[in-house]
Amino acid sequence: MDGFFCEAVSYFKSGGVLMLPLFALAVYLYYASFMLFFKLLKFHAECRDPRSTKRNLSRFFNVASLDGAMEDKELIKRRFDEVRREILPPAERSLSMIKILAGTAPLLGLLGTVSGMAFALSEIGADSNGVAEGVSRALITTQCGLSIALPALVLAMFCSMLRQKILVNLSRCESCLILGEDEK
């Protein structure tokens, strides 16, 4: 394990000065991504099971039970709109931020590529090791930028799918309550 850590630090250092911003971006990006994912997953689990949806939604409606409080159809619509406004806009903002940050990672990698190639070109006449070091730095930052962005975009896609499933489940539950049917 100690050898792996030393090699990782050596690899990090060989990427140049842009590795620190890439690392900070990765930490924040994955923290925000996983926080959003687990928050959406929790809410999806609460409103996914038809038998427990009424019980779970009563918590959002601040009533003990939805049965007596939800006889008025307009009240049902208003309450579901309130739930949607409370839960979905923050998720949408977080999702947009995650997508922007995921798009920033390859750009930082590209900036590292340009600086590494500039260093390599400045060393052409002086030292062949300097050329190799510049090209290596260019490739490492590009690889790190892409390695950060691709999984984050996949996670953002999962969050987007969960958001859509939550919307569908809320609409289904709202329809069942308005029509007075038991959910199947």
C-alpha atoms as a PDB file:
ATOM      1  CA  MET A   1       0.000   0.000   0.000  1.00  0.00           C
ATOM      2  CA  ASP A   2       2.871   2.322   0.824  1.00  0.00           C
ATOM      3  CA  GLY A   3       4.387   1.731  -2.630  1.00  0.00           C
ATOM      4  CA  PHE A   4       1.070   2.570  -4.278  1.00  0.00           C
ATOM      5  CA  PHE A   5       0.787   5.817  -2.327  1.00  0.00           C
ATOM      6  CA  CYS A   6       4.349   6.869  -3.204  1.00  0.00           C
ATOM      7  CA  GLU A   7       3.775   6.090  -6.855  1.00  0.00           C
ATOM      8  CA  ALA A   8       0.486   8.024  -6.861  1.00  0.00           C
ATOM      9  CA  VAL A   9       2.205  11.069  -5.326  1.00  0.00           C
ATOM     10  CA  SER A  10       5.003  10.800  -7.882  1.00  0.00           C
ATOM     11  CA  TYR A  11       2.446  10.582 -10.695  1.00  0.00           C
ATOM     12  CA  PHE A  12       0.588  13.568  -9.254  1.00  0.00           C
ATOM     13  CA  LYS A  13       3.781  15.643  -9.099  1.00  0.00           C
ATOM     14  CA  SER A  14       4.787  14.731 -12.651  1.00  0.00           C
ATOM     15  CA  GLY A  15       1.529  16.232 -13.932  1.00  0.00           C
ATOM     16  CA  GLY A  16       2.630  19.746 -13.106  1.00  0.00           C
ATOM     17  CA  VAL A  17       0.983  22.659 -11.357  1.00  0.00           C
ATOM     18  CA  LEU A  18      -2.477  22.036 -12.792  1.00  0.00           C
ATOM     19  CA  MET A  19      -2.815  18.742 -10.942  1.00  0.00           C
ATOM     20  CA  LEU A  20      -3.704  20.546  -7.699  1.00  0.00           C
ATOM     21  CA  PRO A  21      -6.699  22.399  -9.235  1.00  0.00           C
ATOM     22  CA  LEU A  22      -7.729  19.157 -10.954  1.00  0.00           C
ATOM     23  CA  PHE A  23      -7.577  17.328  -7.620  1.00  0.00           C
ATOM     24  CA  ALA A  24      -9.599  20.039  -5.843  1.00  0.00           C
ATOM     25  CA  LEU A  25     -12.147  20.001  -8.667  1.00  0.00           C
ATOM     26  CA  ALA A  26     -12.436  16.210  -8.458  1.00  0.00           C
ATOM     27  CA  VAL A  27     -12.982  16.238  -4.691  1.00  0.00           C
ATOM     28  CA  TYR A  28     -15.700  18.895  -4.855  1.00  0.00           C
ATOM     29  CA  LEU A  29     -17.305  17.427  -7.979  1.00  0.00           C
ATOM     30  CA  TYR A  30     -17.610  13.928  -6.552  1.00  0.00           C
ATOM     31  CA  TYR A  31     -18.733  15.208  -3.153  1.00  0.00           C
ATOM     32  CA  ALA A  32     -21.562  17.216  -4.779  1.00  0.00           C
ATOM     33  CA  SER A  33     -22.414  14.369  -7.155  1.00  0.00           C
ATOM     34  CA  PHE A  34     -22.702  11.701  -4.496  1.00  0.00           C
ATOM     35  CA  MET A  35     -24.601  13.988  -2.111  1.00  0.00           C
ATOM     36  CA  LEU A  36     -27.173  14.701  -4.835  1.00  0.00           C
ATOM     37  CA  PHE A  37     -27.323  11.058  -5.908  1.00  0.00           C
ATOM     38  CA  PHE A  38     -27.994   9.767  -2.396  1.00  0.00           C
ATOM     39  CA  LYS A  39     -30.507  12.511  -1.649  1.00  0.00           C
ATOM     40  CA  LEU A  40     -32.441  11.687  -4.825  1.00  0.00           C
ATOM     41  CA  LEU A  41     -32.118   7.975  -4.158  1.00  0.00           C
ATOM     42  CA  LYS A  42     -33.578   8.419  -0.680  1.00  0.00           C
ATOM     43  CA  PHE A  43     -36.530  10.443  -1.931  1.00  0.00           C
ATOM     44  CA  HIS A  44     -37.062   8.022  -4.810  1.00  0.00           C
ATOM     45  CA  ALA A  45     -37.201   5.133  -2.337  1.00  0.00           C
ATOM     46  CA  GLU A  46     -39.753   7.061  -0.260  1.00  0.00           C
ATOM     47  CA  CYS A  47     -42.121   7.625  -3.149  1.00  0.00           C
ATOM     48  CA  ARG A  48     -41.432   4.483  -5.182  1.00  0.00           C
ATOM     49  CA  ASP A  49     -43.338   1.943  -3.102  1.00  0.00           C
ATOM     50  CA  PRO A  50     -47.051   2.526  -3.744  1.00  0.00           C
ATOM     51  CA  ARG A  51     -48.114   1.160  -0.347  1.00  0.00           C
ATOM     52  CA  SER A  52     -45.924   3.580   1.581  1.00  0.00           C
ATOM     53  CA  THR A  53     -46.163   6.624  -0.681  1.00  0.00           C
ATOM     54  CA  LYS A  54     -49.117   8.113   1.181  1.00  0.00           C
ATOM     55  CA  ARG A  55     -47.378   7.636   4.525  1.00  0.00           C
ATOM     56  CA  ASN A  56     -44.132   9.155   3.261  1.00  0.00           C
ATOM     57  CA  LEU A  57     -45.812  12.087   1.545  1.00  0.00           C
ATOM     58  CA  SER A  58     -47.799  12.932   4.661  1.00  0.00           C
ATOM     59  CA  ARG A  59     -44.452  13.956   6.152  1.00  0.00           C
ATOM     60  CA  PHE A  60     -44.029  16.530   3.364  1.00  0.00           C
ATOM     61  CA  PHE A  61     -47.586  17.768   3.724  1.00  0.00           C
ATOM     62  CA  ASN A  62     -47.199  18.283   7.493  1.00  0.00           C
ATOM     63  CA  VAL A  63     -50.272  16.234   8.300  1.00  0.00           C
ATOM     64  CA  ALA A  64     -50.645  13.049  10.317  1.00  0.00           C
ATOM     65  CA  SER A  65     -52.398  11.199   7.510  1.00  0.00           C
ATOM     66  CA  LEU A  66     -53.263  12.012   3.929  1.00  0.00           C
ATOM     67  CA  ASP A  67     -56.621  10.251   4.139  1.00  0.00           C
ATOM     68  CA  GLY A  68     -58.586  12.962   5.958  1.00  0.00           C
ATOM     69  CA  ALA A  69     -56.536  15.934   4.796  1.00  0.00           C
ATOM     70  CA  MET A  70     -56.688  15.231   1.093  1.00  0.00           C
ATOM     71  CA  GLU A  71     -60.340  15.273   0.120  1.00  0.00           C
ATOM     72  CA  ASP A  72     -60.155  18.569  -1.794  1.00  0.00           C
ATOM     73  CA  LYS A  73     -58.672  18.017  -5.282  1.00  0.00           C
ATOM     74  CA  GLU A  74     -57.291  21.557  -5.521  1.00  0.00           C
ATOM     75  CA  LEU A  75     -55.593  21.113  -2.181  1.00  0.00           C
ATOM     76  CA  ILE A  76     -54.014  17.897  -3.445  1.00  0.00           C
ATOM     77  CA  LYS A  77     -52.687  19.665  -6.537  1.00  0.00           C
ATOM     78  CA  ARG A  78     -51.321  22.573  -4.494  1.00  0.00           C
ATOM     79  CA  ARG A  79     -49.629  20.278  -2.019  1.00  0.00           C
ATOM     80  CA  PHE A  80     -47.979  18.208  -4.749  1.00  0.00           C
ATOM     81  CA  ASP A  81     -46.818  21.393  -6.456  1.00  0.00           C
ATOM     82  CA  GLU A  82     -45.294  22.478  -3.146  1.00  0.00           C
ATOM     83  CA  VAL A  83     -43.467  19.165  -2.845  1.00  0.00           C
ATOM     84  CA  ARG A  84     -42.163  19.511  -6.402  1.00  0.00           C
ATOM     85  CA  ARG A  85     -41.003  23.092  -5.732  1.00  0.00           C
ATOM     86  CA  GLU A  86     -39.310  22.060  -2.504  1.00  0.00           C
ATOM     87  CA  ILE A  87     -37.418  19.070  -3.836  1.00  0.00           C
ATOM     88  CA  LEU A  88     -36.791  19.399  -7.551  1.00  0.00           C
ATOM     89  CA  PRO A  89     -35.350  22.932  -8.079  1.00  0.00           C
ATOM     90  CA  PRO A  90     -32.438  22.396  -5.663  1.00  0.00           C
ATOM     91  CA  ALA A  91     -31.762  19.068  -7.351  1.00  0.00           C
ATOM     92  CA  GLU A  92     -31.875  20.732 -10.769  1.00  0.00           C
ATOM     93  CA  ARG A  93     -29.428  23.450  -9.644  1.00  0.00           C
ATOM     94  CA  SER A  94     -27.052  20.854  -8.230  1.00  0.00           C
ATOM     95  CA  LEU A  95     -27.307  18.799 -11.397  1.00  0.00           C
ATOM     96  CA  SER A  96     -26.490  21.840 -13.550  1.00  0.00           C
ATOM     97  CA  MET A  97     -23.500  22.670 -11.359  1.00  0.00           C
ATOM     98  CA  ILE A  98     -22.242  19.075 -11.569  1.00  0.00           C
ATOM     99  CA  LYS A  99     -22.485  19.117 -15.362  1.00  0.00           C
ATOM    100  CA  ILE A 100     -20.603  22.432 -15.544  1.00  0.00           C
ATOM    101  CA  LEU A 101     -17.860  21.184 -13.230  1.00  0.00           C
ATOM    102  CA  ALA A 102     -17.599  17.930 -15.176  1.00  0.00           C
ATOM    103  CA  GLY A 103     -17.143  19.987 -18.340  1.00  0.00           C
ATOM    104  CA  THR A 104     -14.437  22.045 -16.634  1.00  0.00           C
ATOM    105  CA  ALA A 105     -12.208  19.052 -15.835  1.00  0.00           C
ATOM    106  CA  PRO A 106     -11.245  18.272 -19.458  1.00  0.00           C
ATOM    107  CA  LEU A 107     -10.623  21.975 -20.023  1.00  0.00           C
ATOM    108  CA  LEU A 108      -8.170  22.054 -17.127  1.00  0.00           C
ATOM    109  CA  GLY A 109      -6.586  18.928 -18.598  1.00  0.00           C
ATOM    110  CA  LEU A 110      -6.328  20.692 -21.943  1.00  0.00           C
ATOM    111  CA  LEU A 111      -4.700  23.680 -20.287  1.00  0.00           C
ATOM    112  CA  GLY A 112      -2.175  21.269 -18.764  1.00  0.00           C
ATOM    113  CA  THR A 113      -1.635  19.787 -22.222  1.00  0.00           C
ATOM    114  CA  VAL A 114      -0.878  23.197 -23.673  1.00  0.00           C
ATOM    115  CA  SER A 115       1.503  24.146 -20.858  1.00  0.00           C
ATOM    116  CA  GLY A 116       3.225  20.746 -21.056  1.00  0.00           C
ATOM    117  CA  MET A 117       3.688  21.044 -24.813  1.00  0.00           C
ATOM    118  CA  ALA A 118       4.947  24.618 -24.431  1.00  0.00           C
ATOM    119  CA  PHE A 119       7.509  23.343 -21.943  1.00  0.00           C
ATOM    120  CA  ALA A 120       8.444  20.491 -24.292  1.00  0.00           C
ATOM    121  CA  LEU A 121       8.891  22.866 -27.232  1.00  0.00           C
ATOM    122  CA  SER A 122      11.043  25.207 -25.161  1.00  0.00           C
ATOM    123  CA  GLU A 123      13.349  22.284 -24.326  1.00  0.00           C
ATOM    124  CA  ILE A 124      13.770  20.983 -27.894  1.00  0.00           C
ATOM    125  CA  GLY A 125      17.213  22.414 -28.473  1.00  0.00           C
ATOM    126  CA  ALA A 126      18.470  22.071 -24.922  1.00  0.00           C
ATOM    127  CA  ASP A 127      17.617  18.669 -23.472  1.00  0.00           C
ATOM    128  CA  SER A 128      15.824  15.583 -24.746  1.00  0.00           C
ATOM    129  CA  ASN A 129      14.777  14.684 -21.173  1.00  0.00           C
ATOM    130  CA  GLY A 130      13.019  18.058 -20.930  1.00  0.00           C
ATOM    131  CA  VAL A 131      11.053  17.284 -24.087  1.00  0.00           C
ATOM    132  CA  ALA A 132       9.988  13.920 -22.679  1.00  0.00           C
ATOM    133  CA  GLU A 133       9.044  15.544 -19.365  1.00  0.00           C
ATOM    134  CA  GLY A 134       6.903  18.172 -21.129  1.00  0.00           C
ATOM    135  CA  VAL A 135       5.099  15.591 -23.256  1.00  0.00           C
ATOM    136  CA  SER A 136       4.573  13.406 -20.187  1.00  0.00           C
ATOM    137  CA  ARG A 137       3.116  16.336 -18.253  1.00  0.00           C
ATOM    138  CA  ALA A 138       0.817  17.110 -21.168  1.00  0.00           C
ATOM    139  CA  LEU A 139      -0.492  13.552 -21.353  1.00  0.00           C
ATOM    140  CA  ILE A 140      -0.935  13.152 -17.589  1.00  0.00           C
ATOM    141  CA  THR A 141      -3.080  16.277 -17.187  1.00  0.00           C
ATOM    142  CA  THR A 142      -5.208  15.342 -20.191  1.00  0.00           C
ATOM    143  CA  GLN A 143      -5.701  11.840 -18.818  1.00  0.00           C
ATOM    144  CA  CYS A 144      -6.607  13.147 -15.362  1.00  0.00           C
ATOM    145  CA  GLY A 145      -9.065  15.708 -16.734  1.00  0.00           C
ATOM    146  CA  LEU A 146     -10.870  13.053 -18.752  1.00  0.00           C
ATOM    147  CA  SER A 147     -10.715  10.530 -15.909  1.00  0.00           C
ATOM    148  CA  ILE A 148     -12.439  13.032 -13.629  1.00  0.00           C
ATOM    149  CA  ALA A 149     -15.085  14.144 -16.128  1.00  0.00           C
ATOM    150  CA  LEU A 150     -16.331  10.875 -17.597  1.00  0.00           C
ATOM    151  CA  PRO A 151     -17.480   9.139 -14.379  1.00  0.00           C
ATOM    152  CA  ALA A 152     -18.958  12.425 -13.140  1.00  0.00           C
ATOM    153  CA  LEU A 153     -21.036  12.739 -16.301  1.00  0.00           C
ATOM    154  CA  VAL A 154     -22.271   9.168 -15.885  1.00  0.00           C
ATOM    155  CA  LEU A 155     -23.226   9.939 -12.286  1.00  0.00           C
ATOM    156  CA  ALA A 156     -24.997  13.116 -13.459  1.00  0.00           C
ATOM    157  CA  MET A 157     -26.936  11.009 -15.957  1.00  0.00           C
ATOM    158  CA  PHE A 158     -28.041   8.659 -13.152  1.00  0.00           C
ATOM    159  CA  CYS A 159     -29.114  11.666 -11.059  1.00  0.00           C
ATOM    160  CA  SER A 160     -31.105  13.000 -13.988  1.00  0.00           C
ATOM    161  CA  MET A 161     -32.821   9.628 -14.433  1.00  0.00           C
ATOM    162  CA  LEU A 162     -33.658   9.478 -10.734  1.00  0.00           C
ATOM    163  CA  ARG A 163     -35.102  12.992 -10.925  1.00  0.00           C
ATOM    164  CA  GLN A 164     -37.344  11.908 -13.795  1.00  0.00           C
ATOM    165  CA  LYS A 165     -38.467   8.799 -11.902  1.00  0.00           C
ATOM    166  CA  ILE A 166     -39.344  10.936  -8.895  1.00  0.00           C
ATOM    167  CA  LEU A 167     -41.446  13.212 -11.094  1.00  0.00           C
ATOM    168  CA  VAL A 168     -43.272  10.220 -12.554  1.00  0.00           C
ATOM    169  CA  ASN A 169     -43.900   8.702  -9.125  1.00  0.00           C
ATOM    170  CA  LEU A 170     -45.176  11.989  -7.714  1.00  0.00           C
ATOM    171  CA  SER A 171     -47.514  12.445 -10.689  1.00  0.00           C
ATOM    172  CA  ARG A 172     -48.761   8.876 -10.311  1.00  0.00           C
ATOM    173  CA  CYS A 173     -49.449   9.325  -6.614  1.00  0.00           C
ATOM    174  CA  GLU A 174     -51.141  12.689  -7.234  1.00  0.00           C
ATOM    175  CA  SER A 175     -53.415  11.131  -9.856  1.00  0.00           C
ATOM    176  CA  CYS A 176     -54.329   8.270  -7.543  1.00  0.00           C
ATOM    177  CA  LEU A 177     -55.201  10.678  -4.734  1.00  0.00           C
ATOM    178  CA  ILE A 178     -57.252  12.952  -6.995  1.00  0.00           C
ATOM    179  CA  LEU A 179     -59.129  10.042  -8.505  1.00  0.00           C
ATOM    180  CA  GLY A 180     -59.560   8.499  -5.069  1.00  0.00           C
ATOM    181  CA  GLU A 181     -58.087   5.189  -6.152  1.00  0.00           C
ATOM    182  CA  ASP A 182     -55.834   2.980  -4.134  1.00  0.00           C
ATOM    183  CA  GLU A 183     -52.416   2.730  -5.708  1.00  0.00           C
ATOM    184  CA  LYS A 184     -51.663  -0.559  -7.364  1.00  0.00           C
END
